[in-house]
N, C-alpha and C. Protein backbone atom coordinates (compact mmCIF):
# COMPACT_ATOMS: atom_id res chain seq x y z
N UNK A 1 82.83 116.53 92.26
CA UNK A 1 83.69 116.14 91.15
C UNK A 1 83.00 115.04 90.38
N UNK A 2 82.97 115.18 89.09
CA UNK A 2 82.26 114.19 88.30
C UNK A 2 83.07 112.90 88.15
N UNK A 3 82.33 111.83 87.92
CA UNK A 3 82.94 110.49 87.84
C UNK A 3 83.92 110.38 86.68
N UNK A 4 83.64 111.07 85.58
CA UNK A 4 84.53 111.02 84.41
C UNK A 4 85.90 111.57 84.76
N UNK A 5 85.92 112.69 85.48
CA UNK A 5 87.21 113.28 85.86
C UNK A 5 87.94 112.38 86.86
N UNK A 6 87.20 111.80 87.80
CA UNK A 6 87.81 110.87 88.76
C UNK A 6 88.43 109.68 88.02
N UNK A 7 87.71 109.16 87.02
CA UNK A 7 88.25 108.06 86.22
C UNK A 7 89.51 108.48 85.47
N UNK A 8 89.52 109.72 84.97
CA UNK A 8 90.70 110.22 84.26
C UNK A 8 91.90 110.35 85.21
N UNK A 9 91.65 110.82 86.43
CA UNK A 9 92.72 110.91 87.43
C UNK A 9 93.23 109.51 87.76
N UNK A 10 92.31 108.58 87.95
CA UNK A 10 92.71 107.20 88.26
C UNK A 10 93.56 106.61 87.13
N UNK A 11 93.22 106.90 85.89
CA UNK A 11 93.99 106.40 84.75
C UNK A 11 95.41 106.95 84.74
N UNK A 12 95.60 108.17 85.22
CA UNK A 12 96.93 108.76 85.32
C UNK A 12 97.70 108.17 86.51
N UNK A 13 96.98 107.98 87.62
CA UNK A 13 97.60 107.58 88.88
C UNK A 13 98.02 106.11 88.92
N UNK A 14 97.17 105.21 88.45
CA UNK A 14 97.43 103.77 88.61
C UNK A 14 98.77 103.30 88.05
N UNK A 15 99.18 103.72 86.84
CA UNK A 15 100.49 103.26 86.35
C UNK A 15 101.66 103.77 87.20
N UNK A 16 101.51 104.96 87.76
CA UNK A 16 102.57 105.51 88.61
C UNK A 16 102.69 104.69 89.89
N UNK A 17 101.54 104.38 90.48
CA UNK A 17 101.53 103.57 91.70
C UNK A 17 102.07 102.17 91.41
N UNK A 18 101.64 101.58 90.30
CA UNK A 18 102.10 100.23 89.92
C UNK A 18 103.61 100.20 89.68
N UNK A 19 104.16 101.29 89.16
CA UNK A 19 105.61 101.36 88.91
C UNK A 19 106.42 101.29 90.21
N UNK A 20 105.76 101.58 91.33
CA UNK A 20 106.41 101.50 92.64
C UNK A 20 106.07 100.18 93.34
N UNK A 21 105.57 99.20 92.56
CA UNK A 21 105.15 97.90 93.08
C UNK A 21 104.10 98.04 94.16
N UNK A 22 103.26 99.05 94.02
CA UNK A 22 102.19 99.29 94.99
C UNK A 22 100.85 99.22 94.26
N UNK A 23 99.79 99.38 95.03
CA UNK A 23 98.44 99.29 94.48
C UNK A 23 97.60 100.44 95.02
N UNK A 24 96.79 101.02 94.15
CA UNK A 24 95.86 102.05 94.56
C UNK A 24 94.68 101.37 95.26
N UNK A 25 94.52 101.66 96.54
CA UNK A 25 93.46 101.05 97.33
C UNK A 25 92.20 101.91 97.26
N UNK A 26 92.39 103.22 97.27
CA UNK A 26 91.24 104.13 97.26
C UNK A 26 91.66 105.48 96.69
N UNK A 27 90.77 106.08 95.92
CA UNK A 27 90.96 107.42 95.37
C UNK A 27 89.73 108.23 95.71
N UNK A 28 89.93 109.36 96.39
CA UNK A 28 88.80 110.25 96.67
C UNK A 28 89.17 111.66 96.23
N UNK A 29 88.18 112.35 95.70
CA UNK A 29 88.32 113.75 95.30
C UNK A 29 87.17 114.51 95.94
N UNK A 30 87.50 115.55 96.71
CA UNK A 30 86.44 116.32 97.34
C UNK A 30 86.89 117.77 97.50
N UNK A 31 85.93 118.68 97.42
CA UNK A 31 86.27 120.10 97.63
C UNK A 31 86.69 120.34 99.07
N UNK A 32 87.69 121.19 99.22
CA UNK A 32 88.12 121.59 100.56
C UNK A 32 88.47 123.07 100.48
N UNK A 33 87.59 123.87 101.01
CA UNK A 33 87.78 125.32 100.88
C UNK A 33 87.68 125.72 99.42
N UNK A 34 88.66 126.47 98.95
CA UNK A 34 88.64 126.95 97.57
C UNK A 34 89.39 126.03 96.61
N UNK A 35 89.77 124.86 97.08
CA UNK A 35 90.51 123.95 96.20
C UNK A 35 89.96 122.53 96.29
N UNK A 36 90.49 121.67 95.44
CA UNK A 36 90.09 120.27 95.41
C UNK A 36 91.15 119.45 96.15
N UNK A 37 90.71 118.49 96.93
CA UNK A 37 91.60 117.62 97.69
C UNK A 37 91.55 116.24 97.05
N UNK A 38 92.67 115.78 96.51
CA UNK A 38 92.78 114.47 95.86
C UNK A 38 93.57 113.58 96.80
N UNK A 39 92.91 112.55 97.34
CA UNK A 39 93.56 111.67 98.33
C UNK A 39 93.70 110.27 97.76
N UNK A 40 94.92 109.76 97.82
CA UNK A 40 95.22 108.41 97.36
C UNK A 40 95.65 107.56 98.55
N UNK A 41 95.00 106.41 98.71
CA UNK A 41 95.47 105.43 99.68
C UNK A 41 96.16 104.35 98.87
N UNK A 42 97.43 104.11 99.17
CA UNK A 42 98.20 103.11 98.45
C UNK A 42 98.78 102.11 99.44
N UNK A 43 98.99 100.90 98.96
CA UNK A 43 99.53 99.85 99.82
C UNK A 43 100.25 98.84 98.96
N UNK A 44 100.99 97.98 99.60
CA UNK A 44 101.64 96.87 98.91
C UNK A 44 101.87 95.76 99.91
N UNK A 45 102.14 94.59 99.40
CA UNK A 45 102.40 93.45 100.28
C UNK A 45 103.58 93.81 101.18
N UNK A 46 103.41 93.62 102.48
CA UNK A 46 104.45 93.97 103.43
C UNK A 46 104.36 95.41 103.92
N UNK A 47 103.43 96.18 103.35
CA UNK A 47 103.25 97.57 103.78
C UNK A 47 104.05 98.55 102.94
N UNK A 48 103.71 99.80 103.06
CA UNK A 48 104.35 100.86 102.29
C UNK A 48 104.96 101.87 103.25
N UNK A 49 106.10 102.43 102.89
CA UNK A 49 106.81 103.37 103.77
C UNK A 49 106.40 104.81 103.45
N UNK A 50 106.70 105.69 104.38
CA UNK A 50 106.46 107.11 104.18
C UNK A 50 107.25 107.63 102.98
N UNK A 51 108.48 107.15 102.84
CA UNK A 51 109.33 107.56 101.72
C UNK A 51 108.71 107.15 100.38
N UNK A 52 108.13 105.95 100.32
CA UNK A 52 107.49 105.50 99.09
C UNK A 52 106.25 106.34 98.78
N UNK A 53 105.49 106.68 99.82
CA UNK A 53 104.32 107.55 99.63
C UNK A 53 104.76 108.91 99.09
N UNK A 54 105.84 109.46 99.64
CA UNK A 54 106.34 110.76 99.17
C UNK A 54 106.78 110.70 97.71
N UNK A 55 107.44 109.62 97.34
CA UNK A 55 107.89 109.44 95.96
C UNK A 55 106.69 109.35 95.01
N UNK A 56 105.68 108.60 95.40
CA UNK A 56 104.46 108.48 94.59
C UNK A 56 103.76 109.83 94.50
N UNK A 57 103.69 110.56 95.62
CA UNK A 57 103.05 111.87 95.64
C UNK A 57 103.71 112.81 94.63
N UNK A 58 105.02 112.84 94.64
CA UNK A 58 105.76 113.73 93.73
C UNK A 58 105.48 113.35 92.27
N UNK A 59 105.53 112.05 91.96
CA UNK A 59 105.30 111.60 90.59
C UNK A 59 103.86 111.86 90.14
N UNK A 60 102.90 111.62 91.04
CA UNK A 60 101.48 111.84 90.71
C UNK A 60 101.22 113.33 90.51
N UNK A 61 101.74 114.17 91.38
CA UNK A 61 101.54 115.62 91.26
C UNK A 61 102.08 116.12 89.93
N UNK A 62 103.26 115.67 89.55
CA UNK A 62 103.86 116.08 88.28
C UNK A 62 103.02 115.60 87.09
N UNK A 63 102.60 114.35 87.13
CA UNK A 63 101.81 113.79 86.03
C UNK A 63 100.45 114.48 85.90
N UNK A 64 99.83 114.79 87.03
CA UNK A 64 98.54 115.47 86.98
C UNK A 64 98.70 116.89 86.43
N UNK A 65 99.77 117.54 86.79
CA UNK A 65 100.04 118.88 86.27
C UNK A 65 100.22 118.83 84.75
N UNK A 66 100.98 117.85 84.28
CA UNK A 66 101.22 117.70 82.84
C UNK A 66 99.94 117.34 82.10
N UNK A 67 99.09 116.51 82.71
CA UNK A 67 97.84 116.09 82.06
C UNK A 67 96.78 117.19 82.10
N UNK A 68 96.95 118.18 82.98
CA UNK A 68 96.04 119.31 83.10
C UNK A 68 94.58 118.84 83.25
N UNK A 69 94.36 117.90 84.18
CA UNK A 69 93.02 117.34 84.39
C UNK A 69 92.11 118.21 85.25
N UNK A 70 92.73 119.06 86.08
CA UNK A 70 91.95 119.88 87.00
C UNK A 70 92.34 121.34 86.79
N UNK A 71 91.36 122.16 86.44
CA UNK A 71 91.64 123.58 86.21
C UNK A 71 91.80 124.34 87.52
N UNK A 72 91.06 123.94 88.54
CA UNK A 72 91.09 124.63 89.82
C UNK A 72 92.36 124.27 90.60
N UNK A 73 92.58 124.98 91.70
CA UNK A 73 93.69 124.62 92.59
C UNK A 73 93.37 123.30 93.26
N UNK A 74 94.40 122.50 93.46
CA UNK A 74 94.18 121.21 94.10
C UNK A 74 95.40 120.80 94.91
N UNK A 75 95.17 119.87 95.84
CA UNK A 75 96.22 119.30 96.66
C UNK A 75 96.15 117.79 96.53
N UNK A 76 97.31 117.16 96.37
CA UNK A 76 97.38 115.70 96.29
C UNK A 76 97.99 115.20 97.60
N UNK A 77 97.35 114.20 98.19
CA UNK A 77 97.89 113.54 99.39
C UNK A 77 97.96 112.05 99.12
N UNK A 78 99.10 111.46 99.40
CA UNK A 78 99.29 110.01 99.25
C UNK A 78 99.63 109.45 100.62
N UNK A 79 98.88 108.45 101.05
CA UNK A 79 99.17 107.83 102.34
C UNK A 79 98.81 106.36 102.30
N UNK A 80 99.20 105.67 103.35
CA UNK A 80 98.87 104.25 103.48
C UNK A 80 97.49 104.14 104.11
N UNK A 81 96.82 103.00 103.93
CA UNK A 81 95.50 102.84 104.52
C UNK A 81 95.52 102.87 106.05
N UNK A 82 96.64 102.57 106.66
CA UNK A 82 96.74 102.57 108.11
C UNK A 82 96.29 101.26 108.72
N UNK A 83 96.73 101.01 109.93
CA UNK A 83 96.43 99.76 110.60
C UNK A 83 94.97 99.62 110.97
N UNK A 84 94.31 100.73 111.20
CA UNK A 84 92.92 100.68 111.65
C UNK A 84 91.92 100.47 110.52
N UNK A 85 92.36 100.59 109.29
CA UNK A 85 91.44 100.43 108.16
C UNK A 85 91.03 98.97 108.07
N UNK A 86 89.74 98.72 107.98
CA UNK A 86 89.29 97.32 107.87
C UNK A 86 89.74 96.68 106.55
N UNK A 87 89.95 95.39 106.59
CA UNK A 87 90.20 94.62 105.39
C UNK A 87 88.83 94.31 104.81
N UNK A 88 88.58 94.75 103.61
CA UNK A 88 87.25 94.62 103.03
C UNK A 88 87.26 93.69 101.82
N UNK A 89 88.12 93.98 100.89
CA UNK A 89 88.12 93.22 99.63
C UNK A 89 89.04 92.01 99.73
N UNK A 90 88.85 91.12 98.79
CA UNK A 90 89.74 89.94 98.69
C UNK A 90 91.18 90.42 98.53
N UNK A 91 91.37 91.48 97.75
CA UNK A 91 92.71 92.02 97.52
C UNK A 91 93.32 92.53 98.83
N UNK A 92 92.52 93.11 99.72
CA UNK A 92 93.03 93.55 101.03
C UNK A 92 93.62 92.37 101.79
N UNK A 93 92.91 91.22 101.74
CA UNK A 93 93.41 90.03 102.42
C UNK A 93 94.68 89.51 101.76
N UNK A 94 94.76 89.59 100.44
CA UNK A 94 95.95 89.14 99.73
C UNK A 94 97.17 89.97 100.12
N UNK A 95 96.97 91.29 100.29
CA UNK A 95 98.08 92.15 100.71
C UNK A 95 98.52 91.82 102.14
N UNK A 96 97.64 91.20 102.91
CA UNK A 96 97.95 90.86 104.31
C UNK A 96 98.55 89.45 104.44
N UNK A 97 98.84 88.78 103.34
CA UNK A 97 99.45 87.43 103.42
C UNK A 97 100.69 87.47 104.29
N UNK A 98 100.78 86.53 105.22
CA UNK A 98 101.93 86.45 106.12
C UNK A 98 101.83 87.37 107.32
N UNK A 99 100.80 88.17 107.39
CA UNK A 99 100.63 89.10 108.51
C UNK A 99 99.54 88.60 109.45
N UNK A 100 99.59 89.09 110.67
CA UNK A 100 98.61 88.70 111.67
C UNK A 100 97.40 89.63 111.59
N UNK A 101 96.20 89.02 111.58
CA UNK A 101 94.97 89.80 111.52
C UNK A 101 93.99 89.32 112.59
N UNK A 102 92.97 90.15 112.85
CA UNK A 102 91.87 89.80 113.76
C UNK A 102 90.59 89.79 112.96
N UNK A 103 89.76 88.80 113.21
CA UNK A 103 88.47 88.69 112.52
C UNK A 103 87.35 88.53 113.53
N UNK A 104 86.26 89.25 113.31
CA UNK A 104 85.00 88.97 114.01
C UNK A 104 84.11 88.32 112.99
N UNK A 105 83.58 87.16 113.33
CA UNK A 105 82.85 86.33 112.39
C UNK A 105 81.46 86.04 112.92
N UNK A 106 80.48 86.02 112.01
CA UNK A 106 79.13 85.58 112.38
C UNK A 106 78.67 84.60 111.30
N UNK A 107 78.41 83.37 111.73
CA UNK A 107 78.01 82.33 110.78
C UNK A 107 76.53 82.45 110.44
N UNK A 108 76.12 81.68 109.44
CA UNK A 108 74.73 81.70 108.99
C UNK A 108 73.75 81.35 110.11
N UNK A 109 74.19 80.51 111.06
CA UNK A 109 73.30 80.12 112.15
C UNK A 109 73.27 81.15 113.29
N UNK A 110 73.94 82.29 113.08
CA UNK A 110 73.89 83.37 114.06
C UNK A 110 74.98 83.33 115.12
N UNK A 111 75.78 82.29 115.13
CA UNK A 111 76.87 82.20 116.12
C UNK A 111 78.00 83.14 115.74
N UNK A 112 78.57 83.79 116.74
CA UNK A 112 79.69 84.69 116.47
C UNK A 112 80.95 84.16 117.15
N UNK A 113 82.08 84.56 116.58
CA UNK A 113 83.38 84.14 117.11
C UNK A 113 84.42 85.18 116.71
N UNK A 114 85.54 85.13 117.39
CA UNK A 114 86.66 86.00 117.06
C UNK A 114 87.88 85.13 116.82
N UNK A 115 88.65 85.49 115.82
CA UNK A 115 89.87 84.75 115.49
C UNK A 115 91.01 85.74 115.36
N UNK A 116 92.20 85.27 115.70
CA UNK A 116 93.40 86.04 115.44
C UNK A 116 94.44 85.05 114.94
N UNK A 117 95.07 85.40 113.85
CA UNK A 117 96.08 84.51 113.30
C UNK A 117 96.76 85.11 112.08
N UNK A 118 97.68 84.34 111.54
CA UNK A 118 98.46 84.76 110.39
C UNK A 118 97.76 84.29 109.12
N UNK A 119 97.64 85.19 108.14
CA UNK A 119 97.00 84.85 106.88
C UNK A 119 97.93 83.91 106.11
N UNK A 120 97.47 82.66 105.94
CA UNK A 120 98.24 81.66 105.20
C UNK A 120 97.89 81.64 103.72
N UNK A 121 96.61 81.82 103.42
CA UNK A 121 96.16 81.75 102.03
C UNK A 121 94.86 82.52 101.88
N UNK A 122 94.63 82.97 100.65
CA UNK A 122 93.38 83.62 100.32
C UNK A 122 92.78 82.84 99.15
N UNK A 123 91.63 82.24 99.41
CA UNK A 123 90.93 81.46 98.40
C UNK A 123 89.87 82.34 97.75
N UNK A 124 89.24 81.87 96.67
CA UNK A 124 88.22 82.70 96.02
C UNK A 124 87.10 83.16 96.95
N UNK A 125 86.70 82.32 97.91
CA UNK A 125 85.57 82.66 98.78
C UNK A 125 85.90 82.64 100.27
N UNK A 126 87.20 82.48 100.62
CA UNK A 126 87.55 82.33 102.04
C UNK A 126 89.00 82.74 102.29
N UNK A 127 89.30 82.95 103.56
CA UNK A 127 90.66 83.23 103.99
C UNK A 127 91.08 82.10 104.94
N UNK A 128 92.35 81.70 104.86
CA UNK A 128 92.88 80.64 105.72
C UNK A 128 93.85 81.29 106.71
N UNK A 129 93.58 81.07 108.01
CA UNK A 129 94.41 81.62 109.07
C UNK A 129 95.13 80.52 109.82
N UNK A 130 96.36 80.82 110.23
CA UNK A 130 97.09 79.94 111.14
C UNK A 130 96.89 80.54 112.53
N UNK A 131 96.10 79.83 113.36
CA UNK A 131 95.82 80.30 114.72
C UNK A 131 96.54 79.41 115.72
N UNK A 132 96.49 79.78 116.96
CA UNK A 132 97.10 78.97 118.02
C UNK A 132 96.47 77.58 118.05
N UNK A 133 95.18 77.50 117.79
CA UNK A 133 94.45 76.22 117.82
C UNK A 133 94.62 75.41 116.54
N UNK A 134 95.27 75.98 115.52
CA UNK A 134 95.44 75.29 114.24
C UNK A 134 94.92 76.14 113.10
N UNK A 135 95.01 75.60 111.91
CA UNK A 135 94.55 76.34 110.74
C UNK A 135 93.03 76.33 110.66
N UNK A 136 92.48 77.47 110.24
CA UNK A 136 91.03 77.59 110.11
C UNK A 136 90.72 78.34 108.80
N UNK A 137 89.70 77.85 108.10
CA UNK A 137 89.24 78.48 106.87
C UNK A 137 87.94 79.21 107.17
N UNK A 138 87.91 80.50 106.86
CA UNK A 138 86.75 81.33 107.18
C UNK A 138 86.19 81.93 105.89
N UNK A 139 84.93 81.62 105.58
CA UNK A 139 84.31 82.20 104.38
C UNK A 139 84.20 83.73 104.52
N UNK A 140 84.48 84.44 103.43
CA UNK A 140 84.35 85.90 103.45
C UNK A 140 82.93 86.33 103.82
N UNK A 141 81.94 85.54 103.44
CA UNK A 141 80.54 85.88 103.72
C UNK A 141 80.24 85.93 105.22
N UNK A 142 81.09 85.30 106.04
CA UNK A 142 80.87 85.29 107.50
C UNK A 142 81.67 86.36 108.24
N UNK A 143 82.58 87.03 107.53
CA UNK A 143 83.44 88.03 108.18
C UNK A 143 82.66 89.32 108.37
N UNK A 144 82.53 89.73 109.63
CA UNK A 144 81.89 91.02 109.94
C UNK A 144 82.91 92.13 109.93
N UNK A 145 84.03 91.92 110.62
CA UNK A 145 85.10 92.92 110.70
C UNK A 145 86.44 92.18 110.63
N UNK A 146 87.36 92.73 109.85
CA UNK A 146 88.72 92.18 109.77
C UNK A 146 89.70 93.35 109.77
N UNK A 147 90.70 93.24 110.61
CA UNK A 147 91.74 94.28 110.69
C UNK A 147 93.08 93.62 110.97
N UNK A 148 94.13 94.33 110.59
CA UNK A 148 95.47 93.86 110.93
C UNK A 148 95.63 93.95 112.45
N UNK A 149 96.30 92.96 113.02
CA UNK A 149 96.52 92.94 114.46
C UNK A 149 97.59 93.97 114.80
N UNK A 150 97.36 94.72 115.86
CA UNK A 150 98.33 95.70 116.31
C UNK A 150 99.50 95.01 116.97
N UNK A 151 100.70 95.51 116.68
CA UNK A 151 101.90 94.96 117.29
C UNK A 151 102.45 95.97 118.27
N UNK A 152 102.70 95.55 119.45
CA UNK A 152 103.20 96.47 120.49
C UNK A 152 104.66 96.42 120.60
């Protein structure tokens, strides 16, 4: 799928997702058998429900049909990024405000550490966590892996 068409799909999708107070985290388009598979990962602060994903899916499918962006058969899937998806962008950390996350960190001097705590703030170049030992500021440049902490 060419980038121009993906951009056109994104232009149709983003306002629909935003109208649900959510954010488009990822858009992928790939052939699957004889049709095109359009996958949207959406999220919002506090997480997104299955019902919200279904509502977005219905609205996106209708809008794409009306815009006639894809001549071939296609399937639209809308889902949440899931708990296992790493936090990569600054925006990912912002969506995790108030939630517990785990970080594996490696500093410039090669030392590694692991942190678990609640995201208190997201600064331009760092994330601030409330941990058992106290608040800690971790530069994004030192984060190797960050994920939401699983709750049992």
